[in-house]
């Protein structure tokens, strides 16, 4: 079923519209789990390029969640994407974004230069993989296109029109280098 049809069904049945954008294989209950063409084989994932316009009415979405996705999208697409997310969110609704924080990863590396030659997967996850992505997947979509800190992503959310932007504790953190920011429309 197409995204617009799923959303229309939610509207008609007065079901909250909660979008899990860039879900990958992680499908959350009570969310419309949305990702790109590479997930087309999974019938539980709605296929939509999350950086493109949404076939969704203005002010109709109750919540957007995006975990470990924004770093995979080219920087020039981020502001227009967040403006679009702002458009579809209801007034007072929120977007929550979690990602591997570039500043935290760089700080850890600066304080622990030996981490650059570590073979410990836990160390790699909060350093090199936080910056570049993990090449073990052998797919370009899994490599990182850009990096953000709490301050830089908060600024972009503000520029996209979110009136309140705040950092919060991670809910889906993969490493200590992750951050979470919430933008409220």
Protein backbone atom coordinates (compact mmCIF):
# COMPACT_ATOMS: atom_id res chain seq x y z
CA UNK A 1 0.00 0.00 0.00
CA UNK A 2 1.24 3.48 -0.84
CA UNK A 3 2.16 5.98 1.86
CA UNK A 4 -0.68 8.33 0.88
CA UNK A 5 -3.18 5.45 1.16
CA UNK A 6 -1.87 4.36 4.57
CA UNK A 7 -2.04 7.93 5.85
CA UNK A 8 -5.54 8.39 4.44
CA UNK A 9 -6.61 5.19 6.19
CA UNK A 10 -5.25 6.52 9.49
CA UNK A 11 -7.07 9.83 8.99
CA UNK A 12 -10.38 8.12 8.16
CA UNK A 13 -10.11 5.79 11.17
CA UNK A 14 -8.81 8.50 13.53
CA UNK A 15 -5.59 6.58 14.15
CA UNK A 16 -2.59 8.71 15.16
CA UNK A 17 -0.10 9.05 12.32
CA UNK A 18 3.35 8.22 13.65
CA UNK A 19 6.07 7.94 11.02
CA UNK A 20 9.28 5.97 11.60
CA UNK A 21 11.35 7.38 8.75
CA UNK A 22 14.37 5.47 7.48
CA UNK A 23 13.37 2.45 9.53
CA UNK A 24 15.59 -0.11 7.78
CA UNK A 25 14.93 -3.56 9.25
CA UNK A 26 13.75 -2.08 12.59
CA UNK A 27 9.96 -1.97 12.44
CA UNK A 28 8.31 -0.31 15.41
CA UNK A 29 4.74 -1.12 16.46
CA UNK A 30 2.17 1.67 16.12
CA UNK A 31 4.28 3.47 13.51
CA UNK A 32 4.14 3.59 9.74
CA UNK A 33 7.63 2.25 9.06
CA UNK A 34 8.99 4.01 5.97
CA UNK A 35 12.20 3.54 4.00
CA UNK A 36 13.67 3.54 0.50
CA UNK A 37 13.62 1.14 -2.42
CA UNK A 38 16.28 -1.09 -0.89
CA UNK A 39 13.58 -2.28 1.55
CA UNK A 40 11.05 -3.06 -1.20
CA UNK A 41 11.07 -6.79 -0.42
CA UNK A 42 9.61 -6.20 3.05
CA UNK A 43 5.81 -5.89 2.90
CA UNK A 44 5.72 -4.23 6.34
CA UNK A 45 7.75 -1.24 5.14
CA UNK A 46 6.15 1.58 3.19
CA UNK A 47 8.48 2.61 0.37
CA UNK A 48 9.17 6.34 0.07
CA UNK A 49 12.36 8.37 -0.38
CA UNK A 50 12.30 10.19 2.96
CA UNK A 51 14.20 13.18 1.56
CA UNK A 52 11.50 13.86 -1.07
CA UNK A 53 8.07 15.52 -0.81
CA UNK A 54 5.38 13.57 1.01
CA UNK A 55 1.93 12.85 -0.46
CA UNK A 56 0.47 13.79 2.92
CA UNK A 57 -1.80 16.73 3.81
CA UNK A 58 -0.39 19.65 5.80
CA UNK A 59 -0.64 19.39 9.59
CA UNK A 60 -1.66 15.71 9.60
CA UNK A 61 1.19 13.77 11.25
CA UNK A 62 1.30 13.27 15.02
CA UNK A 63 4.96 12.28 15.34
CA UNK A 64 8.09 11.67 13.28
CA UNK A 65 10.93 9.46 14.48
CA UNK A 66 14.21 9.07 12.60
CA UNK A 67 16.99 6.97 14.11
CA UNK A 68 20.46 6.68 12.55
CA UNK A 69 19.28 8.05 9.22
CA UNK A 70 20.08 11.74 8.87
CA UNK A 71 23.81 11.07 8.60
CA UNK A 72 23.17 8.99 5.46
CA UNK A 73 21.50 11.84 3.56
CA UNK A 74 23.47 14.41 1.58
CA UNK A 75 23.74 17.74 3.40
CA UNK A 76 22.04 19.78 0.66
CA UNK A 77 18.89 17.67 1.06
CA UNK A 78 18.56 18.12 4.83
CA UNK A 79 16.98 21.58 5.16
CA UNK A 80 14.35 20.97 2.45
CA UNK A 81 13.61 17.56 4.00
CA UNK A 82 13.13 19.05 7.48
CA UNK A 83 10.95 21.83 6.07
CA UNK A 84 8.79 19.11 4.50
CA UNK A 85 8.64 17.21 7.81
CA UNK A 86 7.58 20.46 9.48
CA UNK A 87 4.83 20.92 6.87
CA UNK A 88 3.24 17.53 7.49
CA UNK A 89 3.45 17.63 11.30
CA UNK A 90 0.45 18.86 13.28
CA UNK A 91 0.95 22.02 15.34
CA UNK A 92 2.51 20.96 18.64
CA UNK A 93 3.73 17.63 17.19
CA UNK A 94 7.36 16.62 17.34
CA UNK A 95 10.14 15.16 15.30
CA UNK A 96 12.76 13.15 17.21
CA UNK A 97 16.08 12.52 15.49
CA UNK A 98 18.88 10.29 16.79
CA UNK A 99 22.25 9.97 15.09
CA UNK A 100 25.95 9.31 15.74
CA UNK A 101 27.16 12.72 16.89
CA UNK A 102 30.23 13.87 14.95
CA UNK A 103 31.49 16.14 17.73
CA UNK A 104 31.26 13.38 20.35
CA UNK A 105 33.09 10.93 18.06
CA UNK A 106 35.84 13.46 17.31
CA UNK A 107 36.20 14.34 20.99
CA UNK A 108 36.60 10.67 21.88
CA UNK A 109 39.23 10.25 19.14
CA UNK A 110 41.11 13.37 20.27
CA UNK A 111 41.17 12.08 23.84
CA UNK A 112 42.00 8.50 22.74
CA UNK A 113 44.12 8.67 19.56
CA UNK A 114 44.86 4.95 19.78
CA UNK A 115 41.18 4.35 19.02
CA UNK A 116 41.96 4.95 15.34
CA UNK A 117 43.90 1.69 15.16
CA UNK A 118 41.64 -0.31 17.47
CA UNK A 119 40.11 -3.57 16.30
CA UNK A 120 37.58 -3.52 19.14
CA UNK A 121 34.11 -3.25 17.52
CA UNK A 122 32.76 -1.23 20.45
CA UNK A 123 35.51 1.36 19.99
CA UNK A 124 35.04 1.42 16.22
CA UNK A 125 31.28 2.00 16.61
CA UNK A 126 31.81 5.19 18.60
CA UNK A 127 34.70 6.48 16.47
CA UNK A 128 35.33 5.55 12.84
CA UNK A 129 31.88 4.02 12.23
CA UNK A 130 30.20 7.04 13.83
CA UNK A 131 31.98 9.29 11.34
CA UNK A 132 32.02 7.24 8.13
CA UNK A 133 29.50 4.45 8.62
CA UNK A 134 30.20 0.73 8.69
CA UNK A 135 31.64 -0.75 5.50
CA UNK A 136 30.83 -4.32 6.56
CA UNK A 137 27.39 -3.84 4.94
CA UNK A 138 29.10 -3.24 1.58
CA UNK A 139 26.37 -0.86 0.45
CA UNK A 140 26.70 2.87 -0.25
CA UNK A 141 23.43 3.57 1.56
CA UNK A 142 25.06 2.43 4.80
CA UNK A 143 27.95 4.91 4.56
CA UNK A 144 27.60 8.38 6.07
CA UNK A 145 27.19 11.44 3.90
CA UNK A 146 27.47 14.15 6.57
CA UNK A 147 27.96 14.66 10.30
CA UNK A 148 26.13 16.72 12.88
CA UNK A 149 26.48 17.86 16.47
CA UNK A 150 23.60 18.74 18.75
CA UNK A 151 24.19 22.44 18.06
CA UNK A 152 24.43 22.10 14.28
CA UNK A 153 21.32 19.92 13.91
CA UNK A 154 19.39 22.14 16.33
CA UNK A 155 20.23 25.16 14.16
CA UNK A 156 18.99 23.39 11.02
CA UNK A 157 15.74 22.38 12.76
CA UNK A 158 15.24 26.00 13.83
CA UNK A 159 15.92 27.15 10.26
CA UNK A 160 13.29 24.62 9.08
CA UNK A 161 10.67 26.34 11.23
CA UNK A 162 10.60 24.31 14.43
CA UNK A 163 9.77 26.70 17.27
CA UNK A 164 11.20 24.62 20.10
CA UNK A 165 14.32 22.52 19.68
CA UNK A 166 15.94 20.64 22.55
CA UNK A 167 18.38 17.85 23.13
CA UNK A 168 17.11 14.79 24.98
CA UNK A 169 18.32 11.43 26.21
CA UNK A 170 18.61 8.79 23.51
CA UNK A 171 15.99 6.09 23.41
CA UNK A 172 17.49 3.99 20.61
CA UNK A 173 21.21 4.75 21.14
CA UNK A 174 23.72 2.37 19.61
CA UNK A 175 26.77 3.97 21.23
CA UNK A 176 27.79 6.65 23.72
CA UNK A 177 28.52 8.88 20.71
CA UNK A 178 24.83 9.12 19.76
CA UNK A 179 22.68 12.19 20.29
CA UNK A 180 18.97 12.95 20.19
CA UNK A 181 17.26 16.22 19.32
CA UNK A 182 13.55 16.94 19.42
CA UNK A 183 11.93 19.65 17.34
CA UNK A 184 8.40 20.77 18.17
CA UNK A 185 6.24 22.48 15.57
